[in-house]
N, C-alpha and C. Protein backbone atom coordinates (compact mmCIF):
# COMPACT_ATOMS: atom_id res chain seq x y z
N UNK A 1 -90.08 45.91 66.07
CA UNK A 1 -89.43 45.63 67.28
C UNK A 1 -89.56 44.35 67.77
N UNK A 2 -90.64 43.72 67.25
CA UNK A 2 -91.00 42.40 67.80
C UNK A 2 -90.21 41.32 67.31
N UNK A 3 -89.69 41.72 65.83
CA UNK A 3 -88.74 40.81 65.21
C UNK A 3 -87.35 41.15 65.88
N UNK A 4 -87.12 42.18 66.23
CA UNK A 4 -85.88 42.17 67.12
C UNK A 4 -85.79 41.24 68.43
N UNK A 5 -86.96 41.34 68.94
CA UNK A 5 -86.98 40.59 70.31
C UNK A 5 -86.80 39.17 70.09
N UNK A 6 -87.51 38.61 69.06
CA UNK A 6 -87.49 37.17 68.68
C UNK A 6 -86.10 36.94 68.22
N UNK A 7 -85.44 37.79 67.29
CA UNK A 7 -83.98 37.59 66.95
C UNK A 7 -83.14 37.53 68.03
N UNK A 8 -83.43 38.35 69.06
CA UNK A 8 -82.64 38.35 70.30
C UNK A 8 -82.67 37.12 71.21
N UNK A 9 -83.77 36.67 71.46
CA UNK A 9 -84.04 35.65 72.13
C UNK A 9 -83.25 34.34 71.30
N UNK A 10 -83.64 34.34 70.18
CA UNK A 10 -82.87 33.22 69.24
C UNK A 10 -81.50 33.10 69.38
N UNK A 11 -80.83 34.52 69.43
CA UNK A 11 -79.34 34.46 69.59
C UNK A 11 -79.00 34.01 71.03
N UNK A 12 -79.71 34.21 71.95
CA UNK A 12 -79.41 33.91 73.34
C UNK A 12 -79.65 32.45 73.50
N UNK A 13 -80.63 31.87 72.74
CA UNK A 13 -80.84 30.42 72.88
C UNK A 13 -79.71 29.68 72.19
N UNK A 14 -79.18 30.20 71.09
CA UNK A 14 -78.11 29.68 70.32
C UNK A 14 -76.79 29.78 71.16
N UNK A 15 -76.68 30.86 71.72
CA UNK A 15 -75.45 31.12 72.52
C UNK A 15 -75.40 30.08 73.78
N UNK A 16 -76.46 30.05 74.32
CA UNK A 16 -76.62 29.02 75.41
C UNK A 16 -76.47 27.49 74.99
N UNK A 17 -77.04 27.25 73.80
CA UNK A 17 -76.84 25.87 73.24
C UNK A 17 -75.28 25.61 73.04
N UNK A 18 -74.77 26.65 72.44
CA UNK A 18 -73.17 26.60 72.16
C UNK A 18 -72.43 26.30 73.40
N UNK A 19 -72.59 27.13 74.35
CA UNK A 19 -71.94 27.04 75.78
C UNK A 19 -72.24 25.69 76.31
N UNK A 20 -73.32 25.17 76.29
CA UNK A 20 -73.80 23.75 76.80
C UNK A 20 -72.79 22.71 75.91
N UNK A 21 -72.71 22.95 74.62
CA UNK A 21 -71.83 21.89 73.73
C UNK A 21 -70.51 21.97 74.23
N UNK A 22 -70.07 23.31 74.54
CA UNK A 22 -68.71 23.59 74.99
C UNK A 22 -68.46 22.81 76.19
N UNK A 23 -69.31 22.84 77.14
CA UNK A 23 -69.07 22.32 78.54
C UNK A 23 -68.86 20.80 78.16
N UNK A 24 -69.63 20.06 77.22
CA UNK A 24 -69.49 18.78 76.91
C UNK A 24 -67.98 18.44 76.36
N UNK A 25 -67.24 19.32 75.74
CA UNK A 25 -66.03 19.21 75.10
C UNK A 25 -64.83 19.65 76.12
N UNK A 26 -65.01 20.41 76.90
CA UNK A 26 -63.87 20.91 77.66
C UNK A 26 -63.90 20.18 79.05
N UNK A 27 -62.81 19.68 79.51
CA UNK A 27 -62.74 19.08 80.74
C UNK A 27 -62.70 20.14 81.70
N UNK A 28 -63.82 19.98 82.98
CA UNK A 28 -64.01 21.03 83.66
C UNK A 28 -63.37 20.93 85.10
N UNK A 29 -62.73 19.76 85.33
CA UNK A 29 -62.08 19.50 86.56
C UNK A 29 -62.92 19.08 87.49
N UNK A 30 -62.54 19.27 88.70
CA UNK A 30 -63.32 18.76 90.15
C UNK A 30 -64.47 19.65 90.31
N UNK A 31 -64.40 20.98 89.81
CA UNK A 31 -65.42 21.95 90.28
C UNK A 31 -66.55 21.80 89.02
N UNK A 32 -67.03 20.86 88.82
CA UNK A 32 -67.78 20.75 87.60
C UNK A 32 -69.40 21.17 87.76
N UNK A 33 -69.50 22.01 88.89
CA UNK A 33 -70.76 22.68 89.12
C UNK A 33 -71.05 23.84 88.10
N UNK A 34 -71.61 24.85 88.74
CA UNK A 34 -71.86 25.80 87.78
C UNK A 34 -70.69 26.91 87.30
N UNK A 35 -70.75 27.08 86.02
CA UNK A 35 -69.41 27.85 85.51
C UNK A 35 -69.96 29.17 84.98
N UNK A 36 -69.38 30.26 84.99
CA UNK A 36 -69.40 31.37 84.36
C UNK A 36 -69.20 31.31 82.97
N UNK A 37 -69.71 31.95 82.04
CA UNK A 37 -69.21 32.02 80.62
C UNK A 37 -67.84 32.32 80.43
N UNK A 38 -67.15 33.28 81.37
CA UNK A 38 -65.94 33.48 81.15
C UNK A 38 -65.03 32.19 81.68
N UNK A 39 -65.35 31.75 82.77
CA UNK A 39 -64.54 30.79 83.20
C UNK A 39 -64.75 29.44 82.26
N UNK A 40 -65.74 29.36 81.63
CA UNK A 40 -65.80 28.13 80.54
C UNK A 40 -64.85 28.39 79.35
N UNK A 41 -65.08 29.72 78.81
CA UNK A 41 -64.14 30.13 77.80
C UNK A 41 -62.87 30.12 78.19
N UNK A 42 -62.35 30.53 79.41
CA UNK A 42 -61.05 30.63 79.77
C UNK A 42 -60.45 28.91 79.80
N UNK A 43 -61.43 28.10 80.34
CA UNK A 43 -60.95 26.60 80.38
C UNK A 43 -60.90 26.35 78.90
N UNK A 44 -61.75 26.66 78.08
CA UNK A 44 -61.67 26.22 76.70
C UNK A 44 -60.43 26.57 75.90
N UNK A 45 -60.10 27.83 76.31
CA UNK A 45 -58.65 28.29 75.74
C UNK A 45 -57.55 27.73 76.28
N UNK A 46 -57.54 27.29 77.40
CA UNK A 46 -56.34 26.44 78.15
C UNK A 46 -56.29 25.24 77.53
N UNK A 47 -57.45 24.54 77.54
CA UNK A 47 -57.60 23.01 76.96
C UNK A 47 -57.17 23.26 75.43
N UNK A 48 -57.49 24.21 74.60
CA UNK A 48 -57.04 24.09 73.25
C UNK A 48 -55.47 24.28 73.07
N UNK A 49 -54.96 25.20 74.03
CA UNK A 49 -53.59 25.42 74.24
C UNK A 49 -52.78 24.10 74.62
N UNK A 50 -53.24 23.34 75.59
CA UNK A 50 -52.62 22.09 75.85
C UNK A 50 -52.74 21.03 74.73
N UNK A 51 -53.76 20.98 73.87
CA UNK A 51 -53.95 20.16 72.88
C UNK A 51 -53.01 20.50 71.50
N UNK A 52 -52.76 21.97 71.49
CA UNK A 52 -51.85 22.37 70.63
C UNK A 52 -50.31 21.81 70.79
N UNK A 53 -50.07 22.10 72.28
CA UNK A 53 -48.75 21.64 72.68
C UNK A 53 -48.55 20.10 72.45
N UNK A 54 -49.65 19.50 72.73
CA UNK A 54 -49.32 17.84 72.64
C UNK A 54 -49.20 17.55 71.21
N UNK A 55 -49.97 18.22 70.08
CA UNK A 55 -49.88 18.05 68.71
C UNK A 55 -48.38 18.34 68.22
N UNK A 56 -47.75 19.49 68.98
CA UNK A 56 -46.50 19.96 68.59
C UNK A 56 -45.53 18.76 68.97
N UNK A 57 -45.73 18.45 70.08
CA UNK A 57 -44.87 17.27 70.77
C UNK A 57 -44.98 15.99 69.90
N UNK A 58 -45.97 15.51 69.52
CA UNK A 58 -46.33 14.34 68.63
C UNK A 58 -45.73 14.67 67.32
N UNK A 59 -45.72 15.77 66.58
CA UNK A 59 -45.23 16.05 65.38
C UNK A 59 -43.59 15.98 65.35
N UNK A 60 -43.13 16.70 66.67
CA UNK A 60 -41.62 16.54 66.72
C UNK A 60 -41.21 14.85 67.01
N UNK A 61 -41.90 14.41 67.78
CA UNK A 61 -41.56 12.84 67.95
C UNK A 61 -41.70 12.13 66.60
N UNK A 62 -42.72 12.33 65.63
CA UNK A 62 -42.84 11.79 64.33
C UNK A 62 -41.54 12.11 63.57
N UNK A 63 -41.32 13.29 63.59
CA UNK A 63 -39.96 13.86 62.73
C UNK A 63 -38.79 13.06 63.22
N UNK A 64 -38.62 12.87 64.56
CA UNK A 64 -37.46 12.25 65.06
C UNK A 64 -37.45 10.74 64.60
N UNK A 65 -38.66 10.16 64.67
CA UNK A 65 -38.82 8.83 64.46
C UNK A 65 -38.41 8.49 62.91
N UNK A 66 -38.90 9.58 62.10
CA UNK A 66 -38.74 9.49 60.65
C UNK A 66 -37.25 9.62 60.38
N UNK A 67 -36.50 10.48 61.05
CA UNK A 67 -34.97 10.66 60.93
C UNK A 67 -34.21 9.34 61.28
N UNK A 68 -34.62 8.77 62.44
CA UNK A 68 -34.15 7.51 62.92
C UNK A 68 -34.35 6.38 61.89
N UNK A 69 -35.54 6.42 61.43
CA UNK A 69 -35.89 5.33 60.37
C UNK A 69 -35.02 5.54 59.03
N UNK A 70 -34.76 6.70 58.66
CA UNK A 70 -33.90 6.96 57.47
C UNK A 70 -32.49 6.58 57.72
N UNK A 71 -32.20 6.74 59.07
CA UNK A 71 -30.65 6.34 59.49
C UNK A 71 -30.56 4.93 59.58
N UNK A 72 -31.35 4.33 60.11
CA UNK A 72 -31.63 2.82 60.05
C UNK A 72 -31.66 2.15 58.74
N UNK A 73 -32.32 2.71 57.95
CA UNK A 73 -32.48 2.26 56.54
C UNK A 73 -31.13 2.27 55.80
N UNK A 74 -30.28 3.39 55.99
CA UNK A 74 -29.19 3.66 55.35
C UNK A 74 -28.16 2.53 55.82
N UNK A 75 -28.18 2.48 57.27
CA UNK A 75 -27.46 1.35 57.75
C UNK A 75 -27.64 -0.15 57.26
N UNK A 76 -28.89 -0.41 57.03
CA UNK A 76 -29.37 -1.73 56.57
C UNK A 76 -28.81 -1.79 55.04
N UNK A 77 -29.04 -0.75 54.34
CA UNK A 77 -28.47 -0.76 52.94
C UNK A 77 -27.09 -0.88 52.97
N UNK A 78 -26.35 -0.26 53.63
CA UNK A 78 -24.85 -0.41 53.88
C UNK A 78 -24.30 -1.84 54.30
N UNK A 79 -24.95 -2.46 55.24
CA UNK A 79 -24.76 -3.83 55.59
C UNK A 79 -24.98 -4.69 54.28
N UNK A 80 -26.26 -4.42 53.81
CA UNK A 80 -26.49 -5.45 52.73
C UNK A 80 -25.53 -5.34 51.66
N UNK A 81 -24.66 -3.99 51.40
CA UNK A 81 -23.80 -4.15 50.46
C UNK A 81 -22.35 -4.60 50.85
N UNK A 82 -22.16 -4.47 52.20
CA UNK A 82 -20.98 -5.04 52.63
C UNK A 82 -21.16 -6.63 52.63
N UNK A 83 -22.24 -7.12 53.08
CA UNK A 83 -22.46 -8.69 52.74
C UNK A 83 -22.30 -9.22 51.39
N UNK A 84 -22.89 -8.42 50.32
CA UNK A 84 -22.54 -8.80 48.99
C UNK A 84 -21.09 -8.70 48.75
N UNK A 85 -20.31 -7.86 49.23
CA UNK A 85 -18.86 -7.93 48.96
C UNK A 85 -18.19 -9.19 49.72
N UNK A 86 -18.72 -9.24 50.82
CA UNK A 86 -18.16 -10.39 51.55
C UNK A 86 -18.44 -11.55 51.04
N UNK A 87 -19.61 -11.98 50.49
CA UNK A 87 -19.97 -13.13 49.82
C UNK A 87 -19.35 -13.19 48.65
N UNK A 88 -18.88 -11.93 47.77
CA UNK A 88 -18.16 -12.28 46.49
C UNK A 88 -16.79 -12.67 46.85
N UNK A 89 -16.31 -12.19 48.14
CA UNK A 89 -14.83 -12.30 48.44
C UNK A 89 -14.84 -13.91 48.70
N UNK A 90 -15.67 -14.20 49.43
CA UNK A 90 -15.88 -15.55 50.12
C UNK A 90 -15.80 -16.60 48.73
N UNK A 91 -16.62 -16.23 48.02
CA UNK A 91 -16.94 -17.08 46.67
C UNK A 91 -15.67 -17.22 45.90
N UNK A 92 -15.04 -16.11 45.72
CA UNK A 92 -13.72 -16.07 44.85
C UNK A 92 -12.67 -16.95 45.62
N UNK A 93 -12.57 -16.84 47.07
CA UNK A 93 -11.48 -17.64 47.82
C UNK A 93 -11.86 -19.14 47.61
N UNK A 94 -13.01 -19.30 47.77
CA UNK A 94 -13.57 -20.89 47.71
C UNK A 94 -13.19 -21.32 46.32
N UNK A 95 -13.38 -20.61 45.11
CA UNK A 95 -13.10 -21.03 43.85
C UNK A 95 -11.68 -21.23 43.86
N UNK A 96 -10.67 -20.53 44.45
CA UNK A 96 -9.28 -20.36 44.33
C UNK A 96 -9.02 -21.66 45.10
N UNK A 97 -9.35 -22.10 46.23
CA UNK A 97 -9.23 -23.25 47.00
C UNK A 97 -9.54 -24.44 46.14
N UNK A 98 -10.59 -24.47 45.47
CA UNK A 98 -11.13 -25.55 44.78
C UNK A 98 -10.25 -25.83 43.43
N UNK A 99 -9.50 -24.73 42.74
CA UNK A 99 -8.53 -24.97 41.81
C UNK A 99 -7.37 -25.50 42.46
N UNK A 100 -6.78 -25.14 43.61
CA UNK A 100 -5.66 -25.50 44.18
C UNK A 100 -5.74 -26.92 44.66
N UNK A 101 -6.94 -27.25 45.13
CA UNK A 101 -7.37 -28.69 45.51
C UNK A 101 -7.23 -29.67 44.25
N UNK A 102 -7.78 -29.15 43.26
CA UNK A 102 -7.63 -30.01 41.99
C UNK A 102 -6.11 -30.34 41.42
N UNK A 103 -5.20 -29.14 41.65
CA UNK A 103 -4.00 -29.59 41.28
C UNK A 103 -3.19 -30.51 41.91
N UNK A 104 -3.79 -30.64 43.43
CA UNK A 104 -3.05 -31.58 44.13
C UNK A 104 -3.35 -32.95 44.27
N UNK A 105 -4.58 -33.23 43.28
CA UNK A 105 -5.06 -34.61 43.21
C UNK A 105 -4.23 -35.40 42.36
């Protein structure tokens, strides 16, 4: 029975230590006085839910930005191809002009 009492005290001390650590992690708001275990656990649960919501929004924003980046990359590649086409048209026109200029001389 003495072992059970020591084990019980140890568990209570461990629980108290964990609750103190939890107090340091969870924003307690203006009423940072004495909290019951239930209120601390409730605040911890709400805080976790808030963090999960923030994470979901951040992931959604990352996905949106990645889609936008892919779209802009495609537009940039398209513009690059158009520039090559325009450059080749321009160079063929200038070579036609230089041929006609030589004929006039």
